[in-house]
Amino acid sequence: MINWITVESSSIRKVGYNETNNELYVDLGQRQPYCVFSDVSKYAFYHFASAESVEEHFNSHIKPIYDQV
């Protein structure tokens, strides 16, 4: 099950986490429903979801580090 959190960002609508599969879901509000990143720890997800700038954290700590499924 994906646990979603709505975030304040101009480009990211919400983020979710599937603890069973250690997958991070990022809803960018585009045509595809969301981007999925694998092997993300629960700690990394909560750190991302609570970042002062979710978009900046996504671009510097998620996209370059984790593999997109």
N, C-alpha and C. Protein backbone atom coordinates (compact mmCIF):
# COMPACT_ATOMS: atom_id res chain seq x y z
N MET A 1 0.84 -1.18 0.00
CA MET A 1 0.00 0.00 0.00
C MET A 1 0.88 1.24 0.00
N ILE A 2 0.49 2.22 -0.77
CA ILE A 2 1.24 3.47 -0.86
C ILE A 2 0.66 4.47 0.14
N ASN A 3 1.51 5.01 1.00
CA ASN A 3 1.10 6.06 1.93
C ASN A 3 1.49 7.40 1.33
N TRP A 4 0.50 8.21 0.94
CA TRP A 4 0.73 9.49 0.27
C TRP A 4 0.75 10.65 1.25
N ILE A 5 1.60 11.64 0.96
CA ILE A 5 1.67 12.88 1.72
C ILE A 5 1.61 14.03 0.72
N THR A 6 0.68 14.95 0.91
CA THR A 6 0.61 16.14 0.07
C THR A 6 1.71 17.10 0.51
N VAL A 7 2.43 17.66 -0.46
CA VAL A 7 3.54 18.57 -0.15
C VAL A 7 3.30 19.93 -0.79
N GLU A 8 3.98 20.93 -0.26
CA GLU A 8 3.89 22.27 -0.82
C GLU A 8 5.03 22.48 -1.80
N SER A 9 4.70 22.44 -3.07
CA SER A 9 5.69 22.58 -4.12
C SER A 9 4.97 23.00 -5.40
N SER A 10 5.64 23.77 -6.23
CA SER A 10 5.03 24.19 -7.48
C SER A 10 5.04 23.08 -8.53
N SER A 11 5.93 22.11 -8.40
CA SER A 11 6.03 21.07 -9.42
C SER A 11 5.70 19.66 -8.90
N ILE A 12 5.65 19.47 -7.60
CA ILE A 12 5.36 18.16 -7.03
C ILE A 12 4.08 18.27 -6.22
N ARG A 13 3.08 17.45 -6.58
CA ARG A 13 1.79 17.53 -5.89
C ARG A 13 1.78 16.72 -4.59
N LYS A 14 2.31 15.49 -4.66
CA LYS A 14 2.35 14.64 -3.47
C LYS A 14 3.43 13.60 -3.63
N VAL A 15 3.83 13.03 -2.50
CA VAL A 15 4.84 11.98 -2.50
C VAL A 15 4.29 10.80 -1.72
N GLY A 16 4.70 9.61 -2.11
CA GLY A 16 4.21 8.42 -1.44
C GLY A 16 5.32 7.42 -1.22
N TYR A 17 5.04 6.47 -0.33
CA TYR A 17 6.05 5.48 -0.01
C TYR A 17 5.39 4.13 0.20
N ASN A 18 5.96 3.10 -0.43
CA ASN A 18 5.52 1.73 -0.24
C ASN A 18 6.58 1.04 0.60
N GLU A 19 6.28 0.86 1.88
CA GLU A 19 7.27 0.30 2.81
C GLU A 19 7.60 -1.15 2.49
N THR A 20 6.66 -1.89 1.93
CA THR A 20 6.88 -3.29 1.59
C THR A 20 7.97 -3.44 0.54
N ASN A 21 7.97 -2.53 -0.46
CA ASN A 21 8.92 -2.61 -1.57
C ASN A 21 10.03 -1.57 -1.50
N ASN A 22 10.03 -0.73 -0.47
CA ASN A 22 10.99 0.38 -0.35
C ASN A 22 11.00 1.24 -1.61
N GLU A 23 9.81 1.61 -2.07
CA GLU A 23 9.69 2.44 -3.27
C GLU A 23 9.11 3.80 -2.93
N LEU A 24 9.71 4.81 -3.53
CA LEU A 24 9.26 6.19 -3.40
C LEU A 24 8.46 6.57 -4.63
N TYR A 25 7.31 7.19 -4.42
CA TYR A 25 6.44 7.64 -5.51
C TYR A 25 6.37 9.15 -5.48
N VAL A 26 6.55 9.78 -6.63
CA VAL A 26 6.51 11.23 -6.73
C VAL A 26 5.50 11.61 -7.80
N ASP A 27 4.45 12.31 -7.39
CA ASP A 27 3.41 12.75 -8.31
C ASP A 27 3.76 14.15 -8.80
N LEU A 28 4.18 14.23 -10.06
CA LEU A 28 4.58 15.51 -10.66
C LEU A 28 3.42 16.22 -11.34
N GLY A 29 2.25 15.61 -11.32
CA GLY A 29 1.07 16.24 -11.91
C GLY A 29 1.11 16.29 -13.42
N GLN A 30 1.92 15.44 -14.04
CA GLN A 30 1.99 15.40 -15.49
C GLN A 30 1.13 14.27 -15.99
N ARG A 31 1.28 13.91 -17.24
CA ARG A 31 0.44 12.86 -17.84
C ARG A 31 0.57 11.53 -17.12
N GLN A 32 1.80 11.13 -16.85
CA GLN A 32 1.97 9.87 -16.13
C GLN A 32 1.54 10.09 -14.68
N PRO A 33 0.99 9.07 -14.06
CA PRO A 33 0.47 9.27 -12.70
C PRO A 33 1.55 9.61 -11.68
N TYR A 34 2.74 9.02 -11.79
CA TYR A 34 3.82 9.31 -10.86
C TYR A 34 5.12 8.66 -11.32
N CYS A 35 6.23 9.12 -10.73
CA CYS A 35 7.55 8.51 -10.94
C CYS A 35 7.81 7.60 -9.75
N VAL A 36 8.49 6.49 -9.99
CA VAL A 36 8.78 5.53 -8.92
C VAL A 36 10.30 5.35 -8.83
N PHE A 37 10.82 5.40 -7.61
CA PHE A 37 12.24 5.20 -7.36
C PHE A 37 12.40 4.02 -6.41
N SER A 38 13.37 3.15 -6.71
CA SER A 38 13.54 1.92 -5.93
C SER A 38 14.63 2.05 -4.87
N ASP A 39 14.58 1.14 -3.90
CA ASP A 39 15.57 1.03 -2.83
C ASP A 39 15.72 2.31 -2.01
N VAL A 40 14.60 2.94 -1.71
CA VAL A 40 14.60 4.17 -0.91
C VAL A 40 14.20 3.80 0.52
N SER A 41 15.00 4.22 1.48
CA SER A 41 14.69 3.89 2.88
C SER A 41 13.52 4.75 3.37
N LYS A 42 12.88 4.28 4.41
CA LYS A 42 11.78 5.03 5.01
C LYS A 42 12.31 6.37 5.54
N TYR A 43 13.49 6.36 6.11
CA TYR A 43 14.12 7.58 6.61
C TYR A 43 14.30 8.59 5.48
N ALA A 44 14.81 8.14 4.33
CA ALA A 44 15.03 9.04 3.19
C ALA A 44 13.71 9.61 2.70
N PHE A 45 12.65 8.79 2.71
CA PHE A 45 11.33 9.27 2.29
C PHE A 45 10.84 10.39 3.20
N TYR A 46 10.88 10.17 4.51
CA TYR A 46 10.38 11.19 5.44
C TYR A 46 11.25 12.45 5.42
N HIS A 47 12.53 12.28 5.23
CA HIS A 47 13.42 13.43 5.11
C HIS A 47 13.05 14.26 3.86
N PHE A 48 12.76 13.57 2.78
CA PHE A 48 12.35 14.22 1.54
C PHE A 48 11.00 14.92 1.71
N ALA A 49 10.02 14.20 2.25
CA ALA A 49 8.66 14.75 2.39
C ALA A 49 8.61 15.95 3.32
N SER A 50 9.55 16.04 4.26
CA SER A 50 9.53 17.15 5.21
C SER A 50 10.58 18.23 4.90
N ALA A 51 11.23 18.12 3.76
CA ALA A 51 12.27 19.10 3.39
C ALA A 51 11.67 20.49 3.24
N GLU A 52 12.48 21.48 3.54
CA GLU A 52 12.03 22.87 3.41
C GLU A 52 11.64 23.17 1.96
N SER A 53 12.44 22.68 1.02
CA SER A 53 12.12 22.78 -0.40
C SER A 53 12.10 21.38 -0.98
N VAL A 54 10.89 20.84 -1.13
CA VAL A 54 10.74 19.48 -1.64
C VAL A 54 11.32 19.36 -3.05
N GLU A 55 11.07 20.35 -3.87
CA GLU A 55 11.57 20.33 -5.25
C GLU A 55 13.10 20.32 -5.29
N GLU A 56 13.72 21.15 -4.48
CA GLU A 56 15.19 21.21 -4.44
C GLU A 56 15.76 19.89 -3.92
N HIS A 57 15.15 19.34 -2.90
CA HIS A 57 15.60 18.06 -2.35
C HIS A 57 15.45 16.94 -3.38
N PHE A 58 14.36 16.96 -4.12
CA PHE A 58 14.12 15.97 -5.17
C PHE A 58 15.21 16.03 -6.22
N ASN A 59 15.54 17.23 -6.66
CA ASN A 59 16.54 17.40 -7.73
C ASN A 59 17.97 17.13 -7.27
N SER A 60 18.26 17.31 -5.98
CA SER A 60 19.63 17.11 -5.53
C SER A 60 19.87 15.81 -4.76
N HIS A 61 18.82 15.23 -4.15
CA HIS A 61 19.03 14.05 -3.31
C HIS A 61 18.24 12.81 -3.72
N ILE A 62 17.31 12.95 -4.65
CA ILE A 62 16.53 11.79 -5.06
C ILE A 62 16.89 11.38 -6.49
N LYS A 63 16.66 12.26 -7.45
CA LYS A 63 16.90 11.93 -8.85
C LYS A 63 18.32 11.44 -9.15
N PRO A 64 19.37 12.10 -8.60
CA PRO A 64 20.72 11.64 -8.96
C PRO A 64 21.19 10.39 -8.18
N ILE A 65 20.48 10.01 -7.13
CA ILE A 65 20.94 8.92 -6.27
C ILE A 65 20.18 7.62 -6.49
N TYR A 66 18.87 7.71 -6.60
CA TYR A 66 18.04 6.50 -6.67
C TYR A 66 17.65 6.16 -8.11
N ASP A 67 17.50 4.86 -8.36
CA ASP A 67 17.12 4.39 -9.69
C ASP A 67 15.62 4.54 -9.89
N GLN A 68 15.26 5.12 -11.04
CA GLN A 68 13.84 5.24 -11.39
C GLN A 68 13.39 3.94 -12.04
N VAL A 69 12.27 3.43 -11.57
CA VAL A 69 11.73 2.16 -12.07
C VAL A 69 10.97 2.42 -13.35
